[in-house]
Amino acid sequence: MRWDILLAVSQHTDVRLPKVAEAVTAAAAGTPMPQELQDHLAAVVQA
């Protein structure tokens, strides 16, 4: 995953970058990502 995508999600959700990266990593391992982060991640990837 590109860092600019993680950074954009972090800035738009006011969640610190390490927490966003942790959520993405956990989601890859099967833990559901918080809905707010998931929504913003989808929007950034589609842009």
PDB file of N, CA and C in Angstrom:
ATOM      1  N   MET A   1       0.853  -1.176   0.000  1.00  0.00           N
ATOM      2  CA  MET A   1       0.000   0.000   0.000  1.00  0.00           C
ATOM      3  C   MET A   1       0.892   1.229   0.000  1.00  0.00           C
ATOM      4  N   ARG A   2       0.476   2.232  -0.720  1.00  0.00           N
ATOM      5  CA  ARG A   2       1.254   3.466  -0.806  1.00  0.00           C
ATOM      6  C   ARG A   2       1.031   4.317   0.435  1.00  0.00           C
ATOM      7  N   TRP A   3       2.117   4.946   0.874  1.00  0.00           N
ATOM      8  CA  TRP A   3       2.057   5.775   2.079  1.00  0.00           C
ATOM      9  C   TRP A   3       1.186   7.001   1.878  1.00  0.00           C
ATOM     10  N   ASP A   4       1.113   7.531   0.651  1.00  0.00           N
ATOM     11  CA  ASP A   4       0.289   8.713   0.427  1.00  0.00           C
ATOM     12  C   ASP A   4      -1.187   8.404   0.658  1.00  0.00           C
ATOM     13  N   ILE A   5      -1.596   7.179   0.395  1.00  0.00           N
ATOM     14  CA  ILE A   5      -2.982   6.783   0.653  1.00  0.00           C
ATOM     15  C   ILE A   5      -3.233   6.717   2.157  1.00  0.00           C
ATOM     16  N   LEU A   6      -2.307   6.098   2.876  1.00  0.00           N
ATOM     17  CA  LEU A   6      -2.451   6.036   4.336  1.00  0.00           C
ATOM     18  C   LEU A   6      -2.448   7.434   4.941  1.00  0.00           C
ATOM     19  N   LEU A   7      -1.589   8.303   4.423  1.00  0.00           N
ATOM     20  CA  LEU A   7      -1.510   9.674   4.925  1.00  0.00           C
ATOM     21  C   LEU A   7      -2.818  10.419   4.679  1.00  0.00           C
ATOM     22  N   ALA A   8      -3.401  10.271   3.499  1.00  0.00           N
ATOM     23  CA  ALA A   8      -4.667  10.942   3.189  1.00  0.00           C
ATOM     24  C   ALA A   8      -5.780  10.463   4.120  1.00  0.00           C
ATOM     25  N   VAL A   9      -5.849   9.160   4.357  1.00  0.00           N
ATOM     26  CA  VAL A   9      -6.862   8.628   5.277  1.00  0.00           C
ATOM     27  C   VAL A   9      -6.636   9.187   6.671  1.00  0.00           C
ATOM     28  N   SER A  10      -5.395   9.233   7.094  1.00  0.00           N
ATOM     29  CA  SER A  10      -5.060   9.768   8.414  1.00  0.00           C
ATOM     30  C   SER A  10      -5.509  11.218   8.550  1.00  0.00           C
ATOM     31  N   GLN A  11      -5.225  12.013   7.542  1.00  0.00           N
ATOM     32  CA  GLN A  11      -5.570  13.433   7.596  1.00  0.00           C
ATOM     33  C   GLN A  11      -7.079  13.655   7.562  1.00  0.00           C
ATOM     34  N   HIS A  12      -7.803  12.855   6.791  1.00  0.00           N
ATOM     35  CA  HIS A  12      -9.248  13.054   6.655  1.00  0.00           C
ATOM     36  C   HIS A  12     -10.042  12.504   7.830  1.00  0.00           C
ATOM     37  N   THR A  13      -9.439  11.611   8.596  1.00  0.00           N
ATOM     38  CA  THR A  13     -10.153  11.013   9.728  1.00  0.00           C
ATOM     39  C   THR A  13      -9.644  11.502  11.072  1.00  0.00           C
ATOM     40  N   ASP A  14      -8.564  12.266  11.068  1.00  0.00           N
ATOM     41  CA  ASP A  14      -7.929  12.742  12.299  1.00  0.00           C
ATOM     42  C   ASP A  14      -7.485  11.570  13.174  1.00  0.00           C
ATOM     43  N   VAL A  15      -7.062  10.498  12.501  1.00  0.00           N
ATOM     44  CA  VAL A  15      -6.497   9.326  13.172  1.00  0.00           C
ATOM     45  C   VAL A  15      -5.016   9.310  12.820  1.00  0.00           C
ATOM     46  N   ARG A  16      -4.176   9.125  13.803  1.00  0.00           N
ATOM     47  CA  ARG A  16      -2.729   9.155  13.570  1.00  0.00           C
ATOM     48  C   ARG A  16      -2.315   8.056  12.590  1.00  0.00           C
ATOM     49  N   LEU A  17      -1.331   8.384  11.759  1.00  0.00           N
ATOM     50  CA  LEU A  17      -0.873   7.490  10.701  1.00  0.00           C
ATOM     51  C   LEU A  17      -0.535   6.078  11.200  1.00  0.00           C
ATOM     52  N   PRO A  18       0.173   5.923  12.320  1.00  0.00           N
ATOM     53  CA  PRO A  18       0.465   4.553  12.785  1.00  0.00           C
ATOM     54  C   PRO A  18      -0.801   3.744  13.087  1.00  0.00           C
ATOM     55  N   LYS A  19      -1.846   4.407  13.567  1.00  0.00           N
ATOM     56  CA  LYS A  19      -3.103   3.709  13.862  1.00  0.00           C
ATOM     57  C   LYS A  19      -3.802   3.285  12.570  1.00  0.00           C
ATOM     58  N   VAL A  20      -3.716   4.135  11.536  1.00  0.00           N
ATOM     59  CA  VAL A  20      -4.296   3.772  10.239  1.00  0.00           C
ATOM     60  C   VAL A  20      -3.556   2.558   9.679  1.00  0.00           C
ATOM     61  N   ALA A  21      -2.227   2.599   9.715  1.00  0.00           N
ATOM     62  CA  ALA A  21      -1.428   1.476   9.218  1.00  0.00           C
ATOM     63  C   ALA A  21      -1.729   0.203  10.006  1.00  0.00           C
ATOM     64  N   GLU A  22      -1.889   0.335  11.306  1.00  0.00           N
ATOM     65  CA  GLU A  22      -2.218  -0.815  12.154  1.00  0.00           C
ATOM     66  C   GLU A  22      -3.574  -1.401  11.769  1.00  0.00           C
ATOM     67  N   ALA A  23      -4.552  -0.537  11.502  1.00  0.00           N
ATOM     68  CA  ALA A  23      -5.889  -1.004  11.129  1.00  0.00           C
ATOM     69  C   ALA A  23      -5.863  -1.724   9.785  1.00  0.00           C
ATOM     70  N   VAL A  24      -5.088  -1.207   8.833  1.00  0.00           N
ATOM     71  CA  VAL A  24      -4.982  -1.846   7.517  1.00  0.00           C
ATOM     72  C   VAL A  24      -4.307  -3.212   7.654  1.00  0.00           C
ATOM     73  N   THR A  25      -3.247  -3.268   8.432  1.00  0.00           N
ATOM     74  CA  THR A  25      -2.536  -4.528   8.649  1.00  0.00           C
ATOM     75  C   THR A  25      -3.437  -5.545   9.341  1.00  0.00           C
ATOM     76  N   ALA A  26      -4.163  -5.102  10.344  1.00  0.00           N
ATOM     77  CA  ALA A  26      -5.079  -5.998  11.056  1.00  0.00           C
ATOM     78  C   ALA A  26      -6.191  -6.486  10.127  1.00  0.00           C
ATOM     79  N   ALA A  27      -6.668  -5.603   9.248  1.00  0.00           N
ATOM     80  CA  ALA A  27      -7.720  -5.991   8.306  1.00  0.00           C
ATOM     81  C   ALA A  27      -7.212  -7.069   7.348  1.00  0.00           C
ATOM     82  N   ALA A  28      -5.955  -6.964   6.956  1.00  0.00           N
ATOM     83  CA  ALA A  28      -5.373  -7.988   6.082  1.00  0.00           C
ATOM     84  C   ALA A  28      -5.304  -9.342   6.781  1.00  0.00           C
ATOM     85  N   ALA A  29      -5.240  -9.310   8.101  1.00  0.00           N
ATOM     86  CA  ALA A  29      -5.186 -10.544   8.886  1.00  0.00           C
ATOM     87  C   ALA A  29      -6.578 -11.033   9.295  1.00  0.00           C
ATOM     88  N   GLY A  30      -7.623 -10.294   8.889  1.00  0.00           N
ATOM     89  CA  GLY A  30      -8.983 -10.748   9.148  1.00  0.00           C
ATOM     90  C   GLY A  30      -9.774  -9.960  10.168  1.00  0.00           C
ATOM     91  N   THR A  31      -9.148  -8.984  10.831  1.00  0.00           N
ATOM     92  CA  THR A  31      -9.862  -8.154  11.797  1.00  0.00           C
ATOM     93  C   THR A  31     -10.590  -7.038  11.047  1.00  0.00           C
ATOM     94  N   PRO A  32     -11.885  -6.851  11.286  1.00  0.00           N
ATOM     95  CA  PRO A  32     -12.606  -5.798  10.575  1.00  0.00           C
ATOM     96  C   PRO A  32     -12.007  -4.411  10.842  1.00  0.00           C
ATOM     97  N   MET A  33     -11.915  -3.623   9.790  1.00  0.00           N
ATOM     98  CA  MET A  33     -11.422  -2.251   9.908  1.00  0.00           C
ATOM     99  C   MET A  33     -12.572  -1.369  10.393  1.00  0.00           C
ATOM    100  N   PRO A  34     -12.293  -0.392  11.263  1.00  0.00           N
ATOM    101  CA  PRO A  34     -13.351   0.531  11.672  1.00  0.00           C
ATOM    102  C   PRO A  34     -14.025   1.150  10.437  1.00  0.00           C
ATOM    103  N   GLN A  35     -15.325   1.258  10.483  1.00  0.00           N
ATOM    104  CA  GLN A  35     -16.094   1.710   9.317  1.00  0.00           C
ATOM    105  C   GLN A  35     -15.634   3.069   8.803  1.00  0.00           C
ATOM    106  N   GLU A  36     -15.345   4.001   9.701  1.00  0.00           N
ATOM    107  CA  GLU A  36     -14.906   5.337   9.279  1.00  0.00           C
ATOM    108  C   GLU A  36     -13.627   5.245   8.447  1.00  0.00           C
ATOM    109  N   LEU A  37     -12.675   4.454   8.905  1.00  0.00           N
ATOM    110  CA  LEU A  37     -11.429   4.291   8.149  1.00  0.00           C
ATOM    111  C   LEU A  37     -11.689   3.582   6.828  1.00  0.00           C
ATOM    112  N   GLN A  38     -12.529   2.579   6.852  1.00  0.00           N
ATOM    113  CA  GLN A  38     -12.856   1.839   5.633  1.00  0.00           C
ATOM    114  C   GLN A  38     -13.492   2.758   4.593  1.00  0.00           C
ATOM    115  N   ASP A  39     -14.417   3.608   5.013  1.00  0.00           N
ATOM    116  CA  ASP A  39     -15.081   4.535   4.093  1.00  0.00           C
ATOM    117  C   ASP A  39     -14.083   5.505   3.472  1.00  0.00           C
ATOM    118  N   HIS A  40     -13.213   6.072   4.296  1.00  0.00           N
ATOM    119  CA  HIS A  40     -12.236   7.037   3.787  1.00  0.00           C
ATOM    120  C   HIS A  40     -11.193   6.355   2.906  1.00  0.00           C
ATOM    121  N   LEU A  41     -10.787   5.162   3.264  1.00  0.00           N
ATOM    122  CA  LEU A  41      -9.825   4.425   2.448  1.00  0.00           C
ATOM    123  C   LEU A  41     -10.416   4.152   1.068  1.00  0.00           C
ATOM    124  N   ALA A  42     -11.652   3.723   1.019  1.00  0.00           N
ATOM    125  CA  ALA A  42     -12.310   3.458  -0.264  1.00  0.00           C
ATOM    126  C   ALA A  42     -12.393   4.730  -1.105  1.00  0.00           C
ATOM    127  N   ALA A  43     -12.724   5.852  -0.472  1.00  0.00           N
ATOM    128  CA  ALA A  43     -12.836   7.119  -1.202  1.00  0.00           C
ATOM    129  C   ALA A  43     -11.488   7.563  -1.764  1.00  0.00           C
ATOM    130  N   VAL A  44     -10.429   7.413  -0.979  1.00  0.00           N
ATOM    131  CA  VAL A  44      -9.096   7.832  -1.431  1.00  0.00           C
ATOM    132  C   VAL A  44      -8.615   6.938  -2.568  1.00  0.00           C
ATOM    133  N   VAL A  45      -8.855   5.646  -2.470  1.00  0.00           N
ATOM    134  CA  VAL A  45      -8.405   4.722  -3.513  1.00  0.00           C
ATOM    135  C   VAL A  45      -9.150   4.980  -4.819  1.00  0.00           C
ATOM    136  N   GLN A  46     -10.425   5.343  -4.742  1.00  0.00           N
ATOM    137  CA  GLN A  46     -11.229   5.600  -5.939  1.00  0.00           C
ATOM    138  C   GLN A  46     -10.896   6.930  -6.591  1.00  0.00           C
ATOM    139  N   ALA A  47     -10.317   7.859  -5.833  1.00  0.00           N
ATOM    140  CA  ALA A  47     -10.038   9.209  -6.361  1.00  0.00           C
ATOM    141  C   ALA A  47      -8.918   9.219  -7.364  1.00  0.00           C
TER     142      ALA A  47
END
